[in-house]
Amino acid sequence: MLPSVTIITLNWNQPHYTLACLHSLLSITYPNFKVIVLDNGSKDDSVTQIRAVLPELHYPVELIENGYNLGFAEGNNVGIRKALGEGADYVLLLNNDTEIAPDFIEPLVKMAQSNPNIGIIGSKIYYFDEPELIWSAGGIIEKSGDTRQLGVNQPDIPEFNQLRKVDYVSGCAMLVKRAVIEKVGMLDARFFAYYEETDWCARAAKAGFSVWYVPQSKVWHKISLKARGFTPYYVYLMSRNRLLFLRNRGMSAPRVLLSLVLVDLRTIITTSIYKRHRSARPMQKWHIKGVLDYLRGHFGEPILR
């Protein structure tokens, strides 16, 4: 029998995305899977809409209401615990704003099964609105601790069609072996959102597992080419969580602060040279707040005011 895979997808006030994702999963060709949908305390009618379509879905699916916004990390952890408790061999984190190729699970499982030391595997992720343009082909962690996602905004050229060992893959579509979670634990809830999957991959690598990008597995992400931008939420979390990530990797406090200074200098120089980055200036307060909250040890859900 093929290994069991539990797909975990998180909803927060986005029923239109989640319903499209669930209908996309109807096309899956892998026979041994189930789905857990977690609602992260939505304030709209997400739960009602999702529950209404469950009878239409011809695969095992369960809806869990978290009750409030636990963030990406702990929100998914609820589903991961449930999946492991039910005996899943693999968990597959999948963003609710994605649609999938019918055979996207098979290459991931095949790669994972090929070697006991392979622990986390990621798909090739395209833009939904630009279906031949890559959003992610895995990522690299620089010696400085900075992260760099591969393939961003690149055409689907042969370079990105090769199996590749990477430092991390996006939590948008990542398969994780049960043995990894049993050895290194869950996603770190302190991150809330952003950097949590990178940290998970780094912890897995430290424990002796490798991380792989598998281009034969294809997913399309409904994210804009101009997504994220300079929003308070994004700037705050990226500023705070980047420093937490560096500390989790064993970087000393002085080196973490030096890295912070170098990033700030780079940002200042970039802002002064390129007028198009003027929009970043009003966000400096949220960067500072993120840094201060890191220093205070304030993690979890951001309180922006």
Foldseek 3Di string as FASTA:
>chain_A
DAAAEEEEEEDAQCLVLLVVQQVLQLLAPDDHYAYEYEYAQHPDCNVVSVVVCVVVRPGHYYYHYPNHHLFPFVSVVVVVVVCVVVPGQKYKYAYSNKHWDNHQVVQQSVVCVVDVQAFKEFEFEAAPVPRQQTCAQAWAQDPLRDIDGPRHRHGPDVVSQDKDWHQFYDSNTMMGGPVLCVVQNGFDSQLSDDCRRSLSSNSSVVVRHTYMGHHVTYMHGHADSCPPPQDLQSLLSCLQVSLVSCVSNVDDPVSSVVSVVVVVVVLVVVVVVDVVCPVNVVNVVSSVVSNVCNVVVNGTDDDDD
